Amino acid sequence: MSINRKLRIAIDMDEVLADTIAKFIDVYDARHQTKISLGDMRGKEFHEILPPHLSSSLRQYINEKGFFRDLPVMPGSQEVVKALMENYDVYIASAAMEFKNSLEDKQEWLNEHFPFIPWTNIIFCGHKILDVDIMIDDRIKNFVTFNGRKLLFTSPHNLLIDDFERVNNWDEVAAKLLRS
């Protein structure tokens, strides 16, 4: 590592910067009058708590044009990411290849909500094989081949996992990475 190089951080998008679960909850309420509670999701994936007659609809909705375009922004994420950029090289790393419309939607979403992140620091990929020092992600599968500092961002599906350094919100990210 060069003595002058800033540490690099890769930040996931879904369930870290963008509240994908809130969108799912809204979609199922609006289209099926099905109330889903975050409490029902403890340690489970969203599809695991859907009623059986709706289980096949999840993939359909996630592939719709615009699904990823209007996701709510996680509270505090914009301010903390902007502050991180003063001390770190910050990259957004999102698995945008699996769902046919997600790449364009995610790019537009980032341009709107994180316009201060240059396009050169946005990585849309399948597997997150990244040369960074710190990764903030909600999915432990992305930590498997990663050798740097792993920060597990709390999401209902990962609440039962305790093998990683955890951050529950963006205030905790700031406390660990900006004030240490």
N, C-alpha and C. Protein backbone atom coordinates (compact mmCIF):
# COMPACT_ATOMS: atom_id res chain seq x y z
N MET A 1 0.84 -1.18 0.00
CA MET A 1 0.00 0.00 0.00
C MET A 1 0.89 1.24 0.00
N SER A 2 0.55 2.14 -0.86
CA SER A 2 1.28 3.41 -0.93
C SER A 2 1.02 4.21 0.35
N ILE A 3 2.04 4.90 0.80
CA ILE A 3 1.91 5.69 2.03
C ILE A 3 0.90 6.83 1.88
N ASN A 4 0.68 7.29 0.64
CA ASN A 4 -0.22 8.41 0.40
C ASN A 4 -1.64 7.99 0.04
N ARG A 5 -1.87 6.70 -0.15
CA ARG A 5 -3.18 6.24 -0.58
C ARG A 5 -4.17 6.24 0.58
N LYS A 6 -5.35 6.79 0.34
CA LYS A 6 -6.42 6.72 1.34
C LYS A 6 -6.93 5.28 1.41
N LEU A 7 -7.45 4.91 2.56
CA LEU A 7 -8.12 3.62 2.66
C LEU A 7 -9.35 3.63 1.76
N ARG A 8 -9.65 2.48 1.18
CA ARG A 8 -10.80 2.35 0.28
C ARG A 8 -11.95 1.65 1.01
N ILE A 9 -13.14 2.20 0.81
CA ILE A 9 -14.35 1.62 1.38
C ILE A 9 -15.31 1.27 0.25
N ALA A 10 -15.85 0.04 0.28
CA ALA A 10 -16.92 -0.35 -0.63
C ALA A 10 -18.21 -0.41 0.18
N ILE A 11 -19.23 0.27 -0.32
CA ILE A 11 -20.52 0.33 0.37
C ILE A 11 -21.57 -0.28 -0.54
N ASP A 12 -22.28 -1.25 -0.01
CA ASP A 12 -23.38 -1.88 -0.72
C ASP A 12 -24.54 -0.89 -0.84
N MET A 13 -25.43 -1.15 -1.78
CA MET A 13 -26.57 -0.25 -1.98
C MET A 13 -27.84 -0.77 -1.29
N ASP A 14 -28.34 -1.93 -1.71
CA ASP A 14 -29.61 -2.44 -1.19
C ASP A 14 -29.49 -2.83 0.28
N GLU A 15 -30.37 -2.28 1.07
CA GLU A 15 -30.46 -2.51 2.52
C GLU A 15 -29.30 -1.90 3.29
N VAL A 16 -28.50 -1.09 2.62
CA VAL A 16 -27.42 -0.34 3.28
C VAL A 16 -27.61 1.15 3.00
N LEU A 17 -27.63 1.53 1.73
CA LEU A 17 -27.93 2.91 1.35
C LEU A 17 -29.42 3.09 1.04
N ALA A 18 -30.02 2.04 0.48
CA ALA A 18 -31.41 2.09 0.01
C ALA A 18 -32.24 1.07 0.78
N ASP A 19 -33.42 1.48 1.20
CA ASP A 19 -34.30 0.63 2.00
C ASP A 19 -35.19 -0.22 1.10
N THR A 20 -34.61 -1.29 0.59
CA THR A 20 -35.31 -2.19 -0.31
C THR A 20 -36.47 -2.89 0.39
N ILE A 21 -36.30 -3.23 1.65
CA ILE A 21 -37.36 -3.92 2.39
C ILE A 21 -38.59 -3.03 2.53
N ALA A 22 -38.40 -1.75 2.80
CA ALA A 22 -39.54 -0.84 2.89
C ALA A 22 -40.32 -0.84 1.57
N LYS A 23 -39.61 -0.88 0.46
CA LYS A 23 -40.28 -0.92 -0.85
C LYS A 23 -41.08 -2.20 -1.00
N PHE A 24 -40.49 -3.33 -0.64
CA PHE A 24 -41.23 -4.60 -0.70
C PHE A 24 -42.49 -4.55 0.16
N ILE A 25 -42.37 -4.04 1.36
CA ILE A 25 -43.52 -3.94 2.27
C ILE A 25 -44.61 -3.10 1.62
N ASP A 26 -44.24 -1.97 1.04
CA ASP A 26 -45.21 -1.10 0.38
C ASP A 26 -45.86 -1.79 -0.82
N VAL A 27 -45.07 -2.49 -1.64
CA VAL A 27 -45.59 -3.17 -2.82
C VAL A 27 -46.62 -4.22 -2.42
N TYR A 28 -46.30 -5.02 -1.42
CA TYR A 28 -47.23 -6.09 -1.02
C TYR A 28 -48.47 -5.54 -0.34
N ASP A 29 -48.34 -4.43 0.34
CA ASP A 29 -49.52 -3.79 0.93
C ASP A 29 -50.42 -3.23 -0.18
N ALA A 30 -49.83 -2.51 -1.13
CA ALA A 30 -50.61 -1.87 -2.19
C ALA A 30 -51.23 -2.88 -3.16
N ARG A 31 -50.47 -3.89 -3.54
CA ARG A 31 -50.96 -4.81 -4.59
C ARG A 31 -51.74 -6.01 -4.05
N HIS A 32 -51.50 -6.35 -2.79
CA HIS A 32 -52.13 -7.57 -2.26
C HIS A 32 -52.81 -7.36 -0.91
N GLN A 33 -52.80 -6.13 -0.42
CA GLN A 33 -53.35 -5.83 0.90
C GLN A 33 -52.79 -6.82 1.95
N THR A 34 -51.52 -7.11 1.80
CA THR A 34 -50.82 -8.03 2.70
C THR A 34 -49.88 -7.21 3.57
N LYS A 35 -50.12 -7.25 4.86
CA LYS A 35 -49.29 -6.50 5.81
C LYS A 35 -48.11 -7.37 6.22
N ILE A 36 -46.92 -6.83 6.00
CA ILE A 36 -45.69 -7.53 6.39
C ILE A 36 -45.03 -6.68 7.45
N SER A 37 -44.59 -7.32 8.50
CA SER A 37 -43.94 -6.62 9.60
C SER A 37 -42.45 -6.97 9.63
N LEU A 38 -41.63 -5.97 9.94
CA LEU A 38 -40.20 -6.25 10.08
C LEU A 38 -39.95 -7.29 11.16
N GLY A 39 -40.79 -7.31 12.19
CA GLY A 39 -40.65 -8.30 13.25
C GLY A 39 -40.81 -9.73 12.76
N ASP A 40 -41.61 -9.92 11.71
CA ASP A 40 -41.81 -11.26 11.14
C ASP A 40 -40.57 -11.74 10.40
N MET A 41 -39.67 -10.83 10.08
CA MET A 41 -38.53 -11.15 9.23
C MET A 41 -37.28 -11.54 10.01
N ARG A 42 -37.31 -11.49 11.29
CA ARG A 42 -36.10 -11.73 12.09
C ARG A 42 -35.38 -13.01 11.64
N GLY A 43 -34.23 -12.83 11.02
CA GLY A 43 -33.42 -13.96 10.57
C GLY A 43 -33.92 -14.61 9.29
N LYS A 44 -34.89 -14.00 8.63
CA LYS A 44 -35.45 -14.61 7.42
C LYS A 44 -35.35 -13.66 6.24
N GLU A 45 -35.33 -14.24 5.07
CA GLU A 45 -35.38 -13.48 3.83
C GLU A 45 -36.84 -13.09 3.57
N PHE A 46 -37.04 -12.05 2.79
CA PHE A 46 -38.39 -11.55 2.53
C PHE A 46 -39.28 -12.64 1.94
N HIS A 47 -38.76 -13.40 0.99
CA HIS A 47 -39.58 -14.43 0.33
C HIS A 47 -40.04 -15.51 1.31
N GLU A 48 -39.31 -15.71 2.40
CA GLU A 48 -39.66 -16.75 3.38
C GLU A 48 -40.90 -16.40 4.21
N ILE A 49 -41.25 -15.13 4.25
CA ILE A 49 -42.40 -14.75 5.08
C ILE A 49 -43.64 -14.44 4.25
N LEU A 50 -43.52 -14.55 2.94
CA LEU A 50 -44.68 -14.32 2.08
C LEU A 50 -45.66 -15.49 2.18
N PRO A 51 -46.95 -15.21 2.10
CA PRO A 51 -47.92 -16.30 2.03
C PRO A 51 -47.62 -17.15 0.79
N PRO A 52 -47.85 -18.45 0.85
CA PRO A 52 -47.49 -19.35 -0.27
C PRO A 52 -48.02 -18.89 -1.63
N HIS A 53 -49.22 -18.35 -1.68
CA HIS A 53 -49.79 -17.95 -2.97
C HIS A 53 -49.10 -16.73 -3.57
N LEU A 54 -48.25 -16.05 -2.80
CA LEU A 54 -47.54 -14.89 -3.30
C LEU A 54 -46.04 -15.14 -3.50
N SER A 55 -45.58 -16.31 -3.16
CA SER A 55 -44.14 -16.57 -3.16
C SER A 55 -43.48 -16.36 -4.52
N SER A 56 -44.18 -16.63 -5.60
CA SER A 56 -43.57 -16.46 -6.93
C SER A 56 -43.58 -15.02 -7.41
N SER A 57 -44.30 -14.14 -6.73
CA SER A 57 -44.43 -12.75 -7.19
C SER A 57 -43.19 -11.91 -6.92
N LEU A 58 -42.39 -12.28 -5.94
CA LEU A 58 -41.23 -11.46 -5.56
C LEU A 58 -40.29 -11.23 -6.74
N ARG A 59 -39.93 -12.29 -7.43
CA ARG A 59 -39.01 -12.16 -8.57
C ARG A 59 -39.64 -11.31 -9.67
N GLN A 60 -40.92 -11.43 -9.87
CA GLN A 60 -41.61 -10.61 -10.86
C GLN A 60 -41.47 -9.13 -10.51
N TYR A 61 -41.72 -8.77 -9.27
CA TYR A 61 -41.68 -7.36 -8.87
C TYR A 61 -40.26 -6.80 -8.93
N ILE A 62 -39.30 -7.58 -8.52
CA ILE A 62 -37.93 -7.09 -8.47
C ILE A 62 -37.36 -6.88 -9.88
N ASN A 63 -37.97 -7.55 -10.87
CA ASN A 63 -37.54 -7.39 -12.26
C ASN A 63 -38.28 -6.28 -13.00
N GLU A 64 -39.25 -5.66 -12.36
CA GLU A 64 -40.00 -4.58 -13.01
C GLU A 64 -39.13 -3.34 -13.18
N LYS A 65 -39.30 -2.69 -14.32
CA LYS A 65 -38.63 -1.41 -14.55
C LYS A 65 -39.10 -0.44 -13.48
N GLY A 66 -38.16 0.22 -12.83
CA GLY A 66 -38.50 1.21 -11.82
C GLY A 66 -38.50 0.69 -10.40
N PHE A 67 -38.40 -0.63 -10.21
CA PHE A 67 -38.44 -1.14 -8.83
C PHE A 67 -37.34 -0.52 -7.98
N PHE A 68 -36.13 -0.45 -8.50
CA PHE A 68 -34.99 0.07 -7.74
C PHE A 68 -34.85 1.59 -7.85
N ARG A 69 -35.71 2.23 -8.61
CA ARG A 69 -35.56 3.66 -8.88
C ARG A 69 -36.05 4.55 -7.74
N ASP A 70 -37.07 4.11 -7.02
CA ASP A 70 -37.67 4.98 -6.00
C ASP A 70 -37.55 4.43 -4.58
N LEU A 71 -36.49 3.72 -4.32
CA LEU A 71 -36.27 3.18 -2.98
C LEU A 71 -36.03 4.31 -1.99
N PRO A 72 -36.54 4.17 -0.77
CA PRO A 72 -36.23 5.18 0.26
C PRO A 72 -34.74 5.16 0.60
N VAL A 73 -34.21 6.32 0.92
CA VAL A 73 -32.81 6.45 1.32
C VAL A 73 -32.70 6.11 2.80
N MET A 74 -31.70 5.32 3.16
CA MET A 74 -31.49 4.99 4.58
C MET A 74 -31.14 6.27 5.34
N PRO A 75 -31.78 6.48 6.47
CA PRO A 75 -31.53 7.70 7.25
C PRO A 75 -30.05 7.87 7.61
N GLY A 76 -29.56 9.07 7.36
CA GLY A 76 -28.18 9.42 7.71
C GLY A 76 -27.14 9.00 6.70
N SER A 77 -27.50 8.18 5.73
CA SER A 77 -26.50 7.65 4.80
C SER A 77 -25.86 8.73 3.94
N GLN A 78 -26.63 9.68 3.45
CA GLN A 78 -26.07 10.70 2.58
C GLN A 78 -25.02 11.54 3.31
N GLU A 79 -25.34 11.97 4.50
CA GLU A 79 -24.41 12.81 5.27
C GLU A 79 -23.14 12.05 5.65
N VAL A 80 -23.30 10.79 6.07
CA VAL A 80 -22.13 10.02 6.50
C VAL A 80 -21.25 9.66 5.31
N VAL A 81 -21.85 9.26 4.20
CA VAL A 81 -21.04 8.93 3.02
C VAL A 81 -20.27 10.15 2.55
N LYS A 82 -20.92 11.30 2.55
CA LYS A 82 -20.23 12.54 2.15
C LYS A 82 -19.05 12.81 3.09
N ALA A 83 -19.23 12.62 4.39
CA ALA A 83 -18.15 12.82 5.35
C ALA A 83 -17.04 11.78 5.17
N LEU A 84 -17.42 10.54 4.88
CA LEU A 84 -16.42 9.49 4.65
C LEU A 84 -15.51 9.85 3.47
N MET A 85 -16.07 10.50 2.46
CA MET A 85 -15.31 10.83 1.26
C MET A 85 -14.17 11.81 1.55
N GLU A 86 -14.23 12.49 2.66
CA GLU A 86 -13.13 13.40 3.02
C GLU A 86 -11.89 12.65 3.47
N ASN A 87 -12.08 11.45 4.01
CA ASN A 87 -10.96 10.68 4.58
C ASN A 87 -10.67 9.36 3.88
N TYR A 88 -11.59 8.92 3.05
CA TYR A 88 -11.47 7.61 2.40
C TYR A 88 -11.78 7.75 0.91
N ASP A 89 -11.32 6.76 0.13
CA ASP A 89 -11.80 6.59 -1.24
C ASP A 89 -13.04 5.72 -1.13
N VAL A 90 -14.20 6.28 -1.44
CA VAL A 90 -15.48 5.60 -1.25
C VAL A 90 -16.00 5.10 -2.60
N TYR A 91 -16.39 3.83 -2.61
CA TYR A 91 -16.96 3.20 -3.78
C TYR A 91 -18.31 2.61 -3.41
N ILE A 92 -19.26 2.70 -4.32
CA ILE A 92 -20.53 2.02 -4.15
C ILE A 92 -20.39 0.73 -4.95
N ALA A 93 -20.63 -0.40 -4.30
CA ALA A 93 -20.52 -1.70 -4.95
C ALA A 93 -21.86 -2.41 -4.81
N SER A 94 -22.54 -2.56 -5.93
CA SER A 94 -23.87 -3.16 -5.89
C SER A 94 -23.99 -4.26 -6.94
N ALA A 95 -24.58 -5.36 -6.52
CA ALA A 95 -24.84 -6.47 -7.45
C ALA A 95 -26.05 -6.09 -8.31
N ALA A 96 -25.79 -5.44 -9.42
CA ALA A 96 -26.85 -4.90 -10.26
C ALA A 96 -27.07 -5.72 -11.53
N MET A 97 -26.46 -6.87 -11.61
CA MET A 97 -26.52 -7.62 -12.85
C MET A 97 -27.60 -8.70 -12.84
N GLU A 98 -28.08 -9.09 -11.69
CA GLU A 98 -29.01 -10.21 -11.58
C GLU A 98 -30.41 -9.87 -12.11
N PHE A 99 -30.86 -8.65 -11.86
CA PHE A 99 -32.22 -8.27 -12.24
C PHE A 99 -32.16 -7.31 -13.41
N LYS A 100 -32.92 -7.62 -14.46
CA LYS A 100 -32.73 -7.00 -15.77
C LYS A 100 -32.81 -5.47 -15.81
N ASN A 101 -33.57 -4.84 -14.94
CA ASN A 101 -33.70 -3.39 -14.99
C ASN A 101 -32.96 -2.67 -13.86
N SER A 102 -32.32 -3.43 -13.01
CA SER A 102 -31.76 -2.80 -11.81
C SER A 102 -30.57 -1.89 -12.10
N LEU A 103 -29.76 -2.20 -13.08
CA LEU A 103 -28.57 -1.39 -13.34
C LEU A 103 -28.94 0.07 -13.66
N GLU A 104 -29.85 0.26 -14.60
CA GLU A 104 -30.25 1.62 -14.96
C GLU A 104 -30.96 2.31 -13.80
N ASP A 105 -31.87 1.59 -13.13
CA ASP A 105 -32.57 2.16 -11.98
C ASP A 105 -31.61 2.59 -10.89
N LYS A 106 -30.64 1.74 -10.60
CA LYS A 106 -29.70 2.03 -9.52
C LYS A 106 -28.80 3.22 -9.87
N GLN A 107 -28.39 3.29 -11.13
CA GLN A 107 -27.57 4.43 -11.56
C GLN A 107 -28.33 5.74 -11.40
N GLU A 108 -29.59 5.76 -11.83
CA GLU A 108 -30.40 6.96 -11.70
C GLU A 108 -30.65 7.30 -10.23
N TRP A 109 -30.88 6.29 -9.40
CA TRP A 109 -31.11 6.49 -7.97
C TRP A 109 -29.88 7.11 -7.31
N LEU A 110 -28.71 6.57 -7.62
CA LEU A 110 -27.47 7.11 -7.07
C LEU A 110 -27.24 8.55 -7.55
N ASN A 111 -27.50 8.81 -8.83
CA ASN A 111 -27.32 10.17 -9.35
C ASN A 111 -28.22 11.16 -8.63
N GLU A 112 -29.41 10.74 -8.27
CA GLU A 112 -30.34 11.62 -7.57
C GLU A 112 -29.96 11.81 -6.11
N HIS A 113 -29.69 10.72 -5.41
CA HIS A 113 -29.53 10.78 -3.96
C HIS A 113 -28.08 10.93 -3.49
N PHE A 114 -27.12 10.55 -4.32
CA PHE A 114 -25.70 10.64 -3.98
C PHE A 114 -24.94 11.28 -5.14
N PRO A 115 -25.33 12.47 -5.56
CA PRO A 115 -24.72 13.09 -6.74
C PRO A 115 -23.24 13.42 -6.55
N PHE A 116 -22.78 13.42 -5.32
CA PHE A 116 -21.39 13.73 -5.01
C PHE A 116 -20.46 12.53 -5.22
N ILE A 117 -21.01 11.38 -5.51
CA ILE A 117 -20.18 10.20 -5.79
C ILE A 117 -19.95 10.15 -7.30
N PRO A 118 -18.69 10.24 -7.73
CA PRO A 118 -18.43 10.23 -9.17
C PRO A 118 -18.73 8.86 -9.79
N TRP A 119 -19.06 8.87 -11.06
CA TRP A 119 -19.37 7.62 -11.75
C TRP A 119 -18.21 6.63 -11.69
N THR A 120 -17.00 7.14 -11.58
CA THR A 120 -15.81 6.28 -11.51
C THR A 120 -15.76 5.49 -10.22
N ASN A 121 -16.56 5.86 -9.24
CA ASN A 121 -16.56 5.18 -7.95
C ASN A 121 -17.83 4.35 -7.73
N ILE A 122 -18.49 4.02 -8.82
CA ILE A 122 -19.67 3.16 -8.76
C ILE A 122 -19.34 1.87 -9.48
N ILE A 123 -19.48 0.76 -8.76
CA ILE A 123 -19.15 -0.55 -9.30
C ILE A 123 -20.42 -1.40 -9.30
N PHE A 124 -20.93 -1.69 -10.49
CA PHE A 124 -22.05 -2.61 -10.63
C PHE A 124 -21.47 -3.95 -11.04
N CYS A 125 -21.81 -4.99 -10.31
CA CYS A 125 -21.14 -6.27 -10.53
C CYS A 125 -22.07 -7.43 -10.22
N GLY A 126 -21.52 -8.61 -10.34
CA GLY A 126 -22.17 -9.83 -9.86
C GLY A 126 -21.54 -10.15 -8.52
N HIS A 127 -20.44 -10.89 -8.55
CA HIS A 127 -19.69 -11.15 -7.32
C HIS A 127 -18.87 -9.92 -6.95
N LYS A 128 -18.79 -9.65 -5.65
CA LYS A 128 -18.05 -8.48 -5.19
C LYS A 128 -16.61 -8.86 -4.87
N ILE A 129 -15.84 -8.98 -5.92
CA ILE A 129 -14.41 -9.25 -5.78
C ILE A 129 -13.73 -7.90 -5.91
N LEU A 130 -13.43 -7.31 -4.77
CA LEU A 130 -13.01 -5.91 -4.74
C LEU A 130 -11.69 -5.72 -3.99
N ASP A 131 -10.89 -4.80 -4.47
CA ASP A 131 -9.64 -4.44 -3.82
C ASP A 131 -9.88 -3.19 -2.97
N VAL A 132 -10.51 -3.40 -1.82
CA VAL A 132 -10.78 -2.31 -0.89
C VAL A 132 -10.34 -2.75 0.50
N ASP A 133 -10.30 -1.80 1.41
CA ASP A 133 -9.85 -2.09 2.76
C ASP A 133 -11.00 -2.38 3.73
N ILE A 134 -12.15 -1.77 3.46
CA ILE A 134 -13.33 -1.90 4.32
C ILE A 134 -14.53 -2.14 3.42
N MET A 135 -15.39 -3.08 3.82
CA MET A 135 -16.63 -3.32 3.09
C MET A 135 -17.80 -3.21 4.06
N ILE A 136 -18.81 -2.43 3.67
CA ILE A 136 -20.04 -2.31 4.44
C ILE A 136 -21.13 -2.97 3.61
N ASP A 137 -21.69 -4.06 4.13
CA ASP A 137 -22.65 -4.85 3.37
C ASP A 137 -23.60 -5.54 4.33
N ASP A 138 -24.78 -5.88 3.86
CA ASP A 138 -25.74 -6.62 4.67
C ASP A 138 -25.68 -8.12 4.38
N ARG A 139 -24.96 -8.52 3.37
CA ARG A 139 -24.89 -9.93 2.95
C ARG A 139 -23.53 -10.51 3.26
N ILE A 140 -23.51 -11.53 4.11
CA ILE A 140 -22.22 -12.13 4.48
C ILE A 140 -21.58 -12.88 3.32
N LYS A 141 -22.36 -13.27 2.32
CA LYS A 141 -21.76 -13.95 1.16
C LYS A 141 -20.72 -13.06 0.49
N ASN A 142 -20.86 -11.75 0.63
CA ASN A 142 -19.89 -10.83 0.03
C ASN A 142 -18.61 -10.72 0.84
N PHE A 143 -18.60 -11.27 2.03
CA PHE A 143 -17.42 -11.25 2.88
C PHE A 143 -16.55 -12.49 2.71
N VAL A 144 -17.06 -13.51 2.05
CA VAL A 144 -16.38 -14.82 1.99
C VAL A 144 -14.96 -14.72 1.48
N THR A 145 -14.74 -14.02 0.38
CA THR A 145 -13.38 -13.93 -0.18
C THR A 145 -12.73 -12.59 0.13
N PHE A 146 -13.38 -11.79 0.95
CA PHE A 146 -12.87 -10.46 1.28
C PHE A 146 -11.99 -10.52 2.52
N ASN A 147 -10.79 -9.94 2.44
CA ASN A 147 -9.83 -10.03 3.54
C ASN A 147 -9.73 -8.78 4.39
N GLY A 148 -10.44 -7.72 4.04
CA GLY A 148 -10.36 -6.47 4.78
C GLY A 148 -11.33 -6.44 5.96
N ARG A 149 -11.57 -5.24 6.47
CA ARG A 149 -12.48 -5.04 7.59
C ARG A 149 -13.92 -5.16 7.09
N LYS A 150 -14.66 -6.05 7.71
CA LYS A 150 -16.03 -6.34 7.30
C LYS A 150 -17.00 -5.70 8.29
N LEU A 151 -17.85 -4.81 7.80
CA LEU A 151 -18.89 -4.21 8.65
C LEU A 151 -20.24 -4.72 8.15
N LEU A 152 -20.89 -5.52 8.96
CA LEU A 152 -22.19 -6.08 8.61
C LEU A 152 -23.27 -5.08 8.97
N PHE A 153 -23.95 -4.55 7.95
CA PHE A 153 -25.01 -3.57 8.16
C PHE A 153 -26.29 -4.33 8.49
N THR A 154 -26.88 -4.00 9.62
CA THR A 154 -28.04 -4.73 10.10
C THR A 154 -29.22 -4.63 9.14
N SER A 155 -29.78 -5.80 8.88
CA SER A 155 -31.00 -5.96 8.10
C SER A 155 -31.74 -7.13 8.74
N PRO A 156 -33.06 -7.17 8.64
CA PRO A 156 -33.78 -8.25 9.31
C PRO A 156 -33.24 -9.65 9.00
N HIS A 157 -32.84 -9.89 7.76
CA HIS A 157 -32.38 -11.24 7.39
C HIS A 157 -31.08 -11.64 8.08
N ASN A 158 -30.28 -10.67 8.57
CA ASN A 158 -28.99 -11.04 9.17
C ASN A 158 -28.95 -10.87 10.69
N LEU A 159 -30.10 -10.69 11.29
CA LEU A 159 -30.14 -10.42 12.74
C LEU A 159 -29.61 -11.58 13.60
N LEU A 160 -29.62 -12.79 13.08
CA LEU A 160 -29.16 -13.94 13.86
C LEU A 160 -27.68 -14.24 13.65
N ILE A 161 -27.01 -13.44 12.85
CA ILE A 161 -25.59 -13.63 12.55
C ILE A 161 -24.77 -12.76 13.49
N ASP A 162 -23.81 -13.37 14.17
CA ASP A 162 -23.00 -12.60 15.11
C ASP A 162 -21.50 -12.81 14.90
N ASP A 163 -21.13 -13.25 13.71
CA ASP A 163 -19.72 -13.54 13.41
C ASP A 163 -18.94 -12.34 12.88
N PHE A 164 -19.59 -11.19 12.73
CA PHE A 164 -18.96 -10.04 12.09
C PHE A 164 -19.16 -8.78 12.91
N GLU A 165 -18.29 -7.82 12.69
CA GLU A 165 -18.46 -6.51 13.30
C GLU A 165 -19.72 -5.89 12.70
N ARG A 166 -20.64 -5.49 13.56
CA ARG A 166 -21.96 -5.03 13.12
C ARG A 166 -22.12 -3.53 13.26
N VAL A 167 -22.83 -2.95 12.29
CA VAL A 167 -23.30 -1.57 12.40
C VAL A 167 -24.81 -1.60 12.18
N ASN A 168 -25.55 -0.96 13.07
CA ASN A 168 -27.01 -1.00 13.01
C ASN A 168 -27.60 0.14 12.20
N ASN A 169 -26.83 1.19 11.99
CA ASN A 169 -27.33 2.37 11.28
C ASN A 169 -26.14 3.23 10.87
N TRP A 170 -26.43 4.34 10.22
CA TRP A 170 -25.35 5.18 9.71
C TRP A 170 -24.66 5.99 10.81
N ASP A 171 -25.34 6.23 11.92
CA ASP A 171 -24.66 6.87 13.05
C ASP A 171 -23.55 5.97 13.58
N GLU A 172 -23.80 4.67 13.61
CA GLU A 172 -22.77 3.73 14.08
C GLU A 172 -21.63 3.62 13.08
N VAL A 173 -21.92 3.71 11.79
CA VAL A 173 -20.85 3.74 10.78
C VAL A 173 -19.96 4.95 11.04
N ALA A 174 -20.59 6.09 11.24
CA ALA A 174 -19.83 7.32 11.51
C ALA A 174 -18.99 7.17 12.76
N ALA A 175 -19.54 6.59 13.82
CA ALA A 175 -18.80 6.43 15.07
C ALA A 175 -17.57 5.53 14.87
N LYS A 176 -17.69 4.51 14.05
CA LYS A 176 -16.58 3.58 13.84
C LYS A 176 -15.53 4.11 12.86
N LEU A 177 -15.97 4.85 11.85
CA LEU A 177 -15.05 5.21 10.77
C LEU A 177 -14.67 6.68 10.71
N LEU A 178 -15.40 7.52 11.39
CA LEU A 178 -15.09 8.95 11.34
C LEU A 178 -14.50 9.47 12.64
N ARG A 179 -14.80 8.81 13.72
CA ARG A 179 -14.38 9.32 15.02
C ARG A 179 -13.37 8.41 15.71
N SER A 180 -12.84 7.46 14.96
CA SER A 180 -11.89 6.55 15.62
C SER A 180 -10.46 6.87 15.28
